[in-house]
Amino acid sequence: MVRSRRTAEQMFPPVGQYNERTQSAAAFCAEHGISYGQLNYWRRNYRHETSAEESRGFVDVDNAAPREVAHVEIAYPHERTA
């Protein structure tokens, strides 16, 4: 049995359909000719890809702030205070 890899363009449209479904996962998989495990694999990739697009872990900084600002304070989460 030859297995072929599918691209994001091939995986993500069915995942979008699955997220809007009104049928069971088993019925959806049978209709699309995929296994339940494969559907979950695609869903994990879809979640990872869409969350990565929404937040890359960085925040845009607008450096067009007024020049009279003399300092910038950075507050780190979970920072210990002495």
PDB file of N, CA and C in Angstrom:
ATOM      1  N   MET A   1       0.836  -1.173   0.000  1.00  0.00           N
ATOM      2  CA  MET A   1       0.000   0.000   0.000  1.00  0.00           C
ATOM      3  C   MET A   1       0.883   1.239   0.000  1.00  0.00           C
ATOM      4  N   VAL A   2       0.690   2.112  -0.946  1.00  0.00           N
ATOM      5  CA  VAL A   2       1.477   3.330  -1.054  1.00  0.00           C
ATOM      6  C   VAL A   2       0.740   4.452  -0.336  1.00  0.00           C
ATOM      7  N   ARG A   3       1.465   5.100   0.564  1.00  0.00           N
ATOM      8  CA  ARG A   3       0.875   6.216   1.293  1.00  0.00           C
ATOM      9  C   ARG A   3       1.360   7.511   0.682  1.00  0.00           C
ATOM     10  N   SER A   4       0.478   8.437   0.516  1.00  0.00           N
ATOM     11  CA  SER A   4       0.874   9.727  -0.034  1.00  0.00           C
ATOM     12  C   SER A   4       0.664  10.804   1.019  1.00  0.00           C
ATOM     13  N   ARG A   5       1.532  11.759   0.998  1.00  0.00           N
ATOM     14  CA  ARG A   5       1.409  12.893   1.918  1.00  0.00           C
ATOM     15  C   ARG A   5       0.466  13.922   1.314  1.00  0.00           C
ATOM     16  N   ARG A   6      -0.279  14.549   2.175  1.00  0.00           N
ATOM     17  CA  ARG A   6      -1.189  15.587   1.706  1.00  0.00           C
ATOM     18  C   ARG A   6      -0.686  16.933   2.197  1.00  0.00           C
ATOM     19  N   THR A   7      -0.885  17.927   1.386  1.00  0.00           N
ATOM     20  CA  THR A   7      -0.468  19.274   1.741  1.00  0.00           C
ATOM     21  C   THR A   7      -1.536  19.944   2.593  1.00  0.00           C
ATOM     22  N   ALA A   8      -1.178  21.067   3.171  1.00  0.00           N
ATOM     23  CA  ALA A   8      -2.138  21.823   3.977  1.00  0.00           C
ATOM     24  C   ALA A   8      -3.347  22.225   3.136  1.00  0.00           C
ATOM     25  N   GLU A   9      -3.100  22.535   1.860  1.00  0.00           N
ATOM     26  CA  GLU A   9      -4.202  22.924   0.985  1.00  0.00           C
ATOM     27  C   GLU A   9      -5.184  21.777   0.769  1.00  0.00           C
ATOM     28  N   GLN A  10      -4.700  20.541   0.891  1.00  0.00           N
ATOM     29  CA  GLN A  10      -5.567  19.376   0.739  1.00  0.00           C
ATOM     30  C   GLN A  10      -6.220  18.982   2.061  1.00  0.00           C
ATOM     31  N   MET A  11      -5.525  19.209   3.173  1.00  0.00           N
ATOM     32  CA  MET A  11      -6.039  18.786   4.478  1.00  0.00           C
ATOM     33  C   MET A  11      -7.040  19.767   5.070  1.00  0.00           C
ATOM     34  N   PHE A  12      -6.766  21.062   4.956  1.00  0.00           N
ATOM     35  CA  PHE A  12      -7.522  22.038   5.721  1.00  0.00           C
ATOM     36  C   PHE A  12      -8.967  22.251   5.274  1.00  0.00           C
ATOM     37  N   PRO A  13      -9.308  22.201   3.985  1.00  0.00           N
ATOM     38  CA  PRO A  13     -10.732  22.356   3.633  1.00  0.00           C
ATOM     39  C   PRO A  13     -11.640  21.292   4.279  1.00  0.00           C
ATOM     40  N   PRO A  14     -11.265  20.011   4.264  1.00  0.00           N
ATOM     41  CA  PRO A  14     -12.129  19.048   4.961  1.00  0.00           C
ATOM     42  C   PRO A  14     -12.216  19.313   6.460  1.00  0.00           C
ATOM     43  N   VAL A  15     -11.132  19.792   7.069  1.00  0.00           N
ATOM     44  CA  VAL A  15     -11.170  20.092   8.503  1.00  0.00           C
ATOM     45  C   VAL A  15     -12.144  21.236   8.758  1.00  0.00           C
ATOM     46  N   GLY A  16     -12.134  22.237   7.902  1.00  0.00           N
ATOM     47  CA  GLY A  16     -13.106  23.324   8.031  1.00  0.00           C
ATOM     48  C   GLY A  16     -14.524  22.819   7.904  1.00  0.00           C
ATOM     49  N   GLN A  17     -14.753  21.882   6.979  1.00  0.00           N
ATOM     50  CA  GLN A  17     -16.082  21.277   6.833  1.00  0.00           C
ATOM     51  C   GLN A  17     -16.438  20.484   8.078  1.00  0.00           C
ATOM     52  N   TYR A  18     -15.456  19.780   8.629  1.00  0.00           N
ATOM     53  CA  TYR A  18     -15.712  18.979   9.827  1.00  0.00           C
ATOM     54  C   TYR A  18     -16.103  19.884  10.993  1.00  0.00           C
ATOM     55  N   ASN A  19     -15.434  21.026  11.125  1.00  0.00           N
ATOM     56  CA  ASN A  19     -15.733  21.938  12.224  1.00  0.00           C
ATOM     57  C   ASN A  19     -17.141  22.511  12.126  1.00  0.00           C
ATOM     58  N   GLU A  20     -17.715  22.543  10.927  1.00  0.00           N
ATOM     59  CA  GLU A  20     -19.070  23.055  10.728  1.00  0.00           C
ATOM     60  C   GLU A  20     -20.091  21.928  10.559  1.00  0.00           C
ATOM     61  N   ARG A  21     -19.732  20.717  10.886  1.00  0.00           N
ATOM     62  CA  ARG A  21     -20.531  19.531  10.596  1.00  0.00           C
ATOM     63  C   ARG A  21     -21.760  19.425  11.484  1.00  0.00           C
ATOM     64  N   THR A  22     -22.659  18.597  11.015  1.00  0.00           N
ATOM     65  CA  THR A  22     -23.825  18.220  11.814  1.00  0.00           C
ATOM     66  C   THR A  22     -23.886  16.704  11.942  1.00  0.00           C
ATOM     67  N   GLN A  23     -22.892  16.006  11.386  1.00  0.00           N
ATOM     68  CA  GLN A  23     -22.866  14.550  11.440  1.00  0.00           C
ATOM     69  C   GLN A  23     -21.753  14.079  12.372  1.00  0.00           C
ATOM     70  N   SER A  24     -21.757  12.811  12.671  1.00  0.00           N
ATOM     71  CA  SER A  24     -20.748  12.247  13.571  1.00  0.00           C
ATOM     72  C   SER A  24     -19.388  12.206  12.882  1.00  0.00           C
ATOM     73  N   ALA A  25     -18.348  12.078  13.694  1.00  0.00           N
ATOM     74  CA  ALA A  25     -16.988  11.986  13.155  1.00  0.00           C
ATOM     75  C   ALA A  25     -16.848  10.741  12.289  1.00  0.00           C
ATOM     76  N   ALA A  26     -17.443   9.643  12.722  1.00  0.00           N
ATOM     77  CA  ALA A  26     -17.350   8.391  11.952  1.00  0.00           C
ATOM     78  C   ALA A  26     -17.995   8.542  10.576  1.00  0.00           C
ATOM     79  N   ALA A  27     -19.162   9.182  10.528  1.00  0.00           N
ATOM     80  CA  ALA A  27     -19.844   9.394   9.254  1.00  0.00           C
ATOM     81  C   ALA A  27     -19.045  10.350   8.366  1.00  0.00           C
ATOM     82  N   PHE A  28     -18.474  11.368   8.968  1.00  0.00           N
ATOM     83  CA  PHE A  28     -17.662  12.314   8.204  1.00  0.00           C
ATOM     84  C   PHE A  28     -16.446  11.611   7.600  1.00  0.00           C
ATOM     85  N   CYS A  29     -15.765  10.787   8.410  1.00  0.00           N
ATOM     86  CA  CYS A  29     -14.590  10.061   7.926  1.00  0.00           C
ATOM     87  C   CYS A  29     -14.957   9.105   6.797  1.00  0.00           C
ATOM     88  N   ALA A  30     -16.062   8.400   6.944  1.00  0.00           N
ATOM     89  CA  ALA A  30     -16.497   7.468   5.902  1.00  0.00           C
ATOM     90  C   ALA A  30     -16.817   8.216   4.610  1.00  0.00           C
ATOM     91  N   GLU A  31     -17.446   9.360   4.728  1.00  0.00           N
ATOM     92  CA  GLU A  31     -17.806  10.159   3.560  1.00  0.00           C
ATOM     93  C   GLU A  31     -16.569  10.660   2.810  1.00  0.00           C
ATOM     94  N   HIS A  32     -15.505  10.974   3.565  1.00  0.00           N
ATOM     95  CA  HIS A  32     -14.289  11.525   2.952  1.00  0.00           C
ATOM     96  C   HIS A  32     -13.202  10.475   2.726  1.00  0.00           C
ATOM     97  N   GLY A  33     -13.481   9.235   3.113  1.00  0.00           N
ATOM     98  CA  GLY A  33     -12.534   8.153   2.880  1.00  0.00           C
ATOM     99  C   GLY A  33     -11.250   8.256   3.689  1.00  0.00           C
ATOM    100  N   ILE A  34     -11.368   8.737   4.929  1.00  0.00           N
ATOM    101  CA  ILE A  34     -10.201   8.853   5.808  1.00  0.00           C
ATOM    102  C   ILE A  34     -10.502   8.164   7.123  1.00  0.00           C
ATOM    103  N   SER A  35      -9.454   7.845   7.865  1.00  0.00           N
ATOM    104  CA  SER A  35      -9.650   7.212   9.170  1.00  0.00           C
ATOM    105  C   SER A  35      -9.853   8.293  10.231  1.00  0.00           C
ATOM    106  N   TYR A  36     -10.375   7.876  11.376  1.00  0.00           N
ATOM    107  CA  TYR A  36     -10.592   8.801  12.493  1.00  0.00           C
ATOM    108  C   TYR A  36      -9.257   9.364  12.978  1.00  0.00           C
ATOM    109  N   GLY A  37      -8.244   8.528  13.025  1.00  0.00           N
ATOM    110  CA  GLY A  37      -6.907   8.982  13.434  1.00  0.00           C
ATOM    111  C   GLY A  37      -6.350  10.018  12.474  1.00  0.00           C
ATOM    112  N   GLN A  38      -6.578   9.825  11.186  1.00  0.00           N
ATOM    113  CA  GLN A  38      -6.103  10.778  10.190  1.00  0.00           C
ATOM    114  C   GLN A  38      -6.830  12.117  10.352  1.00  0.00           C
ATOM    115  N   LEU A  39      -8.120  12.061  10.614  1.00  0.00           N
ATOM    116  CA  LEU A  39      -8.874  13.290  10.833  1.00  0.00           C
ATOM    117  C   LEU A  39      -8.306  14.056  12.020  1.00  0.00           C
ATOM    118  N   ASN A  40      -8.024  13.358  13.100  1.00  0.00           N
ATOM    119  CA  ASN A  40      -7.471  14.028  14.276  1.00  0.00           C
ATOM    120  C   ASN A  40      -6.091  14.600  13.996  1.00  0.00           C
ATOM    121  N   TYR A  41      -5.281  13.898  13.215  1.00  0.00           N
ATOM    122  CA  TYR A  41      -3.971  14.403  12.815  1.00  0.00           C
ATOM    123  C   TYR A  41      -4.132  15.698  12.028  1.00  0.00           C
ATOM    124  N   TRP A  42      -5.054  15.714  11.094  1.00  0.00           N
ATOM    125  CA  TRP A  42      -5.300  16.912  10.296  1.00  0.00           C
ATOM    126  C   TRP A  42      -5.791  18.059  11.175  1.00  0.00           C
ATOM    127  N   ARG A  43      -6.671  17.733  12.127  1.00  0.00           N
ATOM    128  CA  ARG A  43      -7.201  18.767  13.018  1.00  0.00           C
ATOM    129  C   ARG A  43      -6.103  19.374  13.872  1.00  0.00           C
ATOM    130  N   ARG A  44      -5.167  18.541  14.371  1.00  0.00           N
ATOM    131  CA  ARG A  44      -4.027  19.074  15.147  1.00  0.00           C
ATOM    132  C   ARG A  44      -3.190  20.013  14.293  1.00  0.00           C
ATOM    133  N   ASN A  45      -2.903  19.603  13.064  1.00  0.00           N
ATOM    134  CA  ASN A  45      -2.125  20.462  12.166  1.00  0.00           C
ATOM    135  C   ASN A  45      -2.870  21.759  11.870  1.00  0.00           C
ATOM    136  N   TYR A  46      -4.167  21.661  11.673  1.00  0.00           N
ATOM    137  CA  TYR A  46      -4.989  22.830  11.383  1.00  0.00           C
ATOM    138  C   TYR A  46      -4.958  23.804  12.559  1.00  0.00           C
ATOM    139  N   ARG A  47      -5.143  23.285  13.782  1.00  0.00           N
ATOM    140  CA  ARG A  47      -5.103  24.142  14.966  1.00  0.00           C
ATOM    141  C   ARG A  47      -3.737  24.790  15.128  1.00  0.00           C
ATOM    142  N   HIS A  48      -2.686  24.013  14.922  1.00  0.00           N
ATOM    143  CA  HIS A  48      -1.330  24.538  15.054  1.00  0.00           C
ATOM    144  C   HIS A  48      -1.077  25.638  14.025  1.00  0.00           C
ATOM    145  N   GLU A  49      -1.486  25.398  12.800  1.00  0.00           N
ATOM    146  CA  GLU A  49      -1.252  26.353  11.716  1.00  0.00           C
ATOM    147  C   GLU A  49      -2.060  27.628  11.921  1.00  0.00           C
ATOM    148  N   THR A  50      -3.324  27.504  12.299  1.00  0.00           N
ATOM    149  CA  THR A  50      -4.153  28.697  12.461  1.00  0.00           C
ATOM    150  C   THR A  50      -3.754  29.474  13.706  1.00  0.00           C
ATOM    151  N   SER A  51      -3.352  28.808  14.778  1.00  0.00           N
ATOM    152  CA  SER A  51      -2.913  29.545  15.957  1.00  0.00           C
ATOM    153  C   SER A  51      -1.571  30.209  15.710  1.00  0.00           C
ATOM    154  N   ALA A  52      -0.718  29.597  14.896  1.00  0.00           N
ATOM    155  CA  ALA A  52       0.577  30.201  14.573  1.00  0.00           C
ATOM    156  C   ALA A  52       0.376  31.449  13.721  1.00  0.00           C
ATOM    157  N   GLU A  53      -0.623  31.438  12.855  1.00  0.00           N
ATOM    158  CA  GLU A  53      -0.892  32.613  12.032  1.00  0.00           C
ATOM    159  C   GLU A  53      -1.445  33.750  12.867  1.00  0.00           C
ATOM    160  N   GLU A  54      -2.242  33.432  13.872  1.00  0.00           N
ATOM    161  CA  GLU A  54      -2.852  34.464  14.701  1.00  0.00           C
ATOM    162  C   GLU A  54      -1.848  35.087  15.657  1.00  0.00           C
ATOM    163  N   SER A  55      -0.934  34.298  16.192  1.00  0.00           N
ATOM    164  CA  SER A  55       0.008  34.805  17.169  1.00  0.00           C
ATOM    165  C   SER A  55       1.362  34.156  16.968  1.00  0.00           C
ATOM    166  N   ARG A  56       2.311  34.912  16.586  1.00  0.00           N
ATOM    167  CA  ARG A  56       3.665  34.408  16.385  1.00  0.00           C
ATOM    168  C   ARG A  56       4.498  34.499  17.661  1.00  0.00           C
ATOM    169  N   GLY A  57       3.912  34.961  18.763  1.00  0.00           N
ATOM    170  CA  GLY A  57       4.644  35.072  20.007  1.00  0.00           C
ATOM    171  C   GLY A  57       5.304  36.424  20.197  1.00  0.00           C
ATOM    172  N   PHE A  58       5.169  37.301  19.225  1.00  0.00           N
ATOM    173  CA  PHE A  58       5.744  38.628  19.320  1.00  0.00           C
ATOM    174  C   PHE A  58       4.643  39.668  19.192  1.00  0.00           C
ATOM    175  N   VAL A  59       4.905  40.838  19.699  1.00  0.00           N
ATOM    176  CA  VAL A  59       3.956  41.930  19.631  1.00  0.00           C
ATOM    177  C   VAL A  59       4.578  43.023  18.776  1.00  0.00           C
ATOM    178  N   ASP A  60       3.803  43.582  17.866  1.00  0.00           N
ATOM    179  CA  ASP A  60       4.293  44.701  17.072  1.00  0.00           C
ATOM    180  C   ASP A  60       4.520  45.900  17.977  1.00  0.00           C
ATOM    181  N   VAL A  61       5.652  46.531  17.816  1.00  0.00           N
ATOM    182  CA  VAL A  61       5.985  47.706  18.605  1.00  0.00           C
ATOM    183  C   VAL A  61       5.976  48.908  17.684  1.00  0.00           C
ATOM    184  N   ASP A  62       5.217  49.898  18.064  1.00  0.00           N
ATOM    185  CA  ASP A  62       5.160  51.126  17.285  1.00  0.00           C
ATOM    186  C   ASP A  62       6.255  52.045  17.793  1.00  0.00           C
ATOM    187  N   ASN A  63       7.292  52.226  17.012  1.00  0.00           N
ATOM    188  CA  ASN A  63       8.408  53.062  17.452  1.00  0.00           C
ATOM    189  C   ASN A  63       8.223  54.511  17.019  1.00  0.00           C
ATOM    190  N   ALA A  64       7.023  54.891  16.700  1.00  0.00           N
ATOM    191  CA  ALA A  64       6.720  56.271  16.348  1.00  0.00           C
ATOM    192  C   ALA A  64       6.251  57.036  17.579  1.00  0.00           C
ATOM    193  N   ALA A  65       6.702  56.612  18.759  1.00  0.00           N
ATOM    194  CA  ALA A  65       6.323  57.270  20.003  1.00  0.00           C
ATOM    195  C   ALA A  65       6.973  58.651  20.064  1.00  0.00           C
ATOM    196  N   PRO A  66       6.399  59.545  20.819  1.00  0.00           N
ATOM    197  CA  PRO A  66       7.001  60.880  20.956  1.00  0.00           C
ATOM    198  C   PRO A  66       8.442  60.780  21.473  1.00  0.00           C
ATOM    199  N   ARG A  67       9.291  61.650  21.002  1.00  0.00           N
ATOM    200  CA  ARG A  67      10.712  61.608  21.360  1.00  0.00           C
ATOM    201  C   ARG A  67      10.984  62.062  22.788  1.00  0.00           C
ATOM    202  N   GLU A  68      10.042  62.743  23.443  1.00  0.00           N
ATOM    203  CA  GLU A  68      10.289  63.221  24.801  1.00  0.00           C
ATOM    204  C   GLU A  68      10.212  62.115  25.856  1.00  0.00           C
ATOM    205  N   VAL A  69       9.830  60.899  25.471  1.00  0.00           N
ATOM    206  CA  VAL A  69       9.814  59.780  26.411  1.00  0.00           C
ATOM    207  C   VAL A  69      11.254  59.413  26.735  1.00  0.00           C
ATOM    208  N   ALA A  70      11.599  59.447  28.015  1.00  0.00           N
ATOM    209  CA  ALA A  70      12.988  59.245  28.428  1.00  0.00           C
ATOM    210  C   ALA A  70      13.305  57.787  28.723  1.00  0.00           C
ATOM    211  N   HIS A  71      12.308  56.981  29.044  1.00  0.00           N
ATOM    212  CA  HIS A  71      12.584  55.590  29.397  1.00  0.00           C
ATOM    213  C   HIS A  71      11.408  54.704  28.994  1.00  0.00           C
ATOM    214  N   VAL A  72      11.696  53.433  28.989  1.00  0.00           N
ATOM    215  CA  VAL A  72      10.677  52.428  28.704  1.00  0.00           C
ATOM    216  C   VAL A  72      10.738  51.412  29.826  1.00  0.00           C
ATOM    217  N   GLU A  73       9.601  51.054  30.374  1.00  0.00           N
ATOM    218  CA  GLU A  73       9.553  50.062  31.438  1.00  0.00           C
ATOM    219  C   GLU A  73       9.042  48.752  30.855  1.00  0.00           C
ATOM    220  N   ILE A  74       9.769  47.687  31.138  1.00  0.00           N
ATOM    221  CA  ILE A  74       9.383  46.366  30.654  1.00  0.00           C
ATOM    222  C   ILE A  74       9.001  45.529  31.862  1.00  0.00           C
ATOM    223  N   ALA A  75       7.804  44.987  31.851  1.00  0.00           N
ATOM    224  CA  ALA A  75       7.335  44.127  32.944  1.00  0.00           C
ATOM    225  C   ALA A  75       7.263  42.703  32.427  1.00  0.00           C
ATOM    226  N   TYR A  76       8.009  41.830  33.041  1.00  0.00           N
ATOM    227  CA  TYR A  76       8.022  40.426  32.650  1.00  0.00           C
ATOM    228  C   TYR A  76       7.010  39.651  33.484  1.00  0.00           C
ATOM    229  N   PRO A  77       6.255  38.765  32.878  1.00  0.00           N
ATOM    230  CA  PRO A  77       5.338  37.944  33.684  1.00  0.00           C
ATOM    231  C   PRO A  77       6.146  37.014  34.573  1.00  0.00           C
ATOM    232  N   HIS A  78       5.662  36.771  35.736  1.00  0.00           N
ATOM    233  CA  HIS A  78       6.285  35.881  36.712  1.00  0.00           C
ATOM    234  C   HIS A  78       7.655  36.381  37.175  1.00  0.00           C
ATOM    235  N   GLU A  79       7.872  37.684  37.094  1.00  0.00           N
ATOM    236  CA  GLU A  79       9.147  38.248  37.533  1.00  0.00           C
ATOM    237  C   GLU A  79       9.152  38.323  39.052  1.00  0.00           C
ATOM    238  N   ARG A  80      10.254  37.935  39.620  1.00  0.00           N
ATOM    239  CA  ARG A  80      10.394  37.998  41.072  1.00  0.00           C
ATOM    240  C   ARG A  80      10.819  39.412  41.463  1.00  0.00           C
ATOM    241  N   THR A  81      10.235  39.900  42.510  1.00  0.00           N
ATOM    242  CA  THR A  81      10.636  41.205  43.013  1.00  0.00           C
ATOM    243  C   THR A  81      11.465  41.011  44.260  1.00  0.00           C
ATOM    244  N   ALA A  82      12.479  41.812  44.398  1.00  0.00           N
ATOM    245  CA  ALA A  82      13.377  41.664  45.536  1.00  0.00           C
ATOM    246  C   ALA A  82      13.009  42.585  46.651  1.00  0.00           C
TER     247      ALA A  82
END
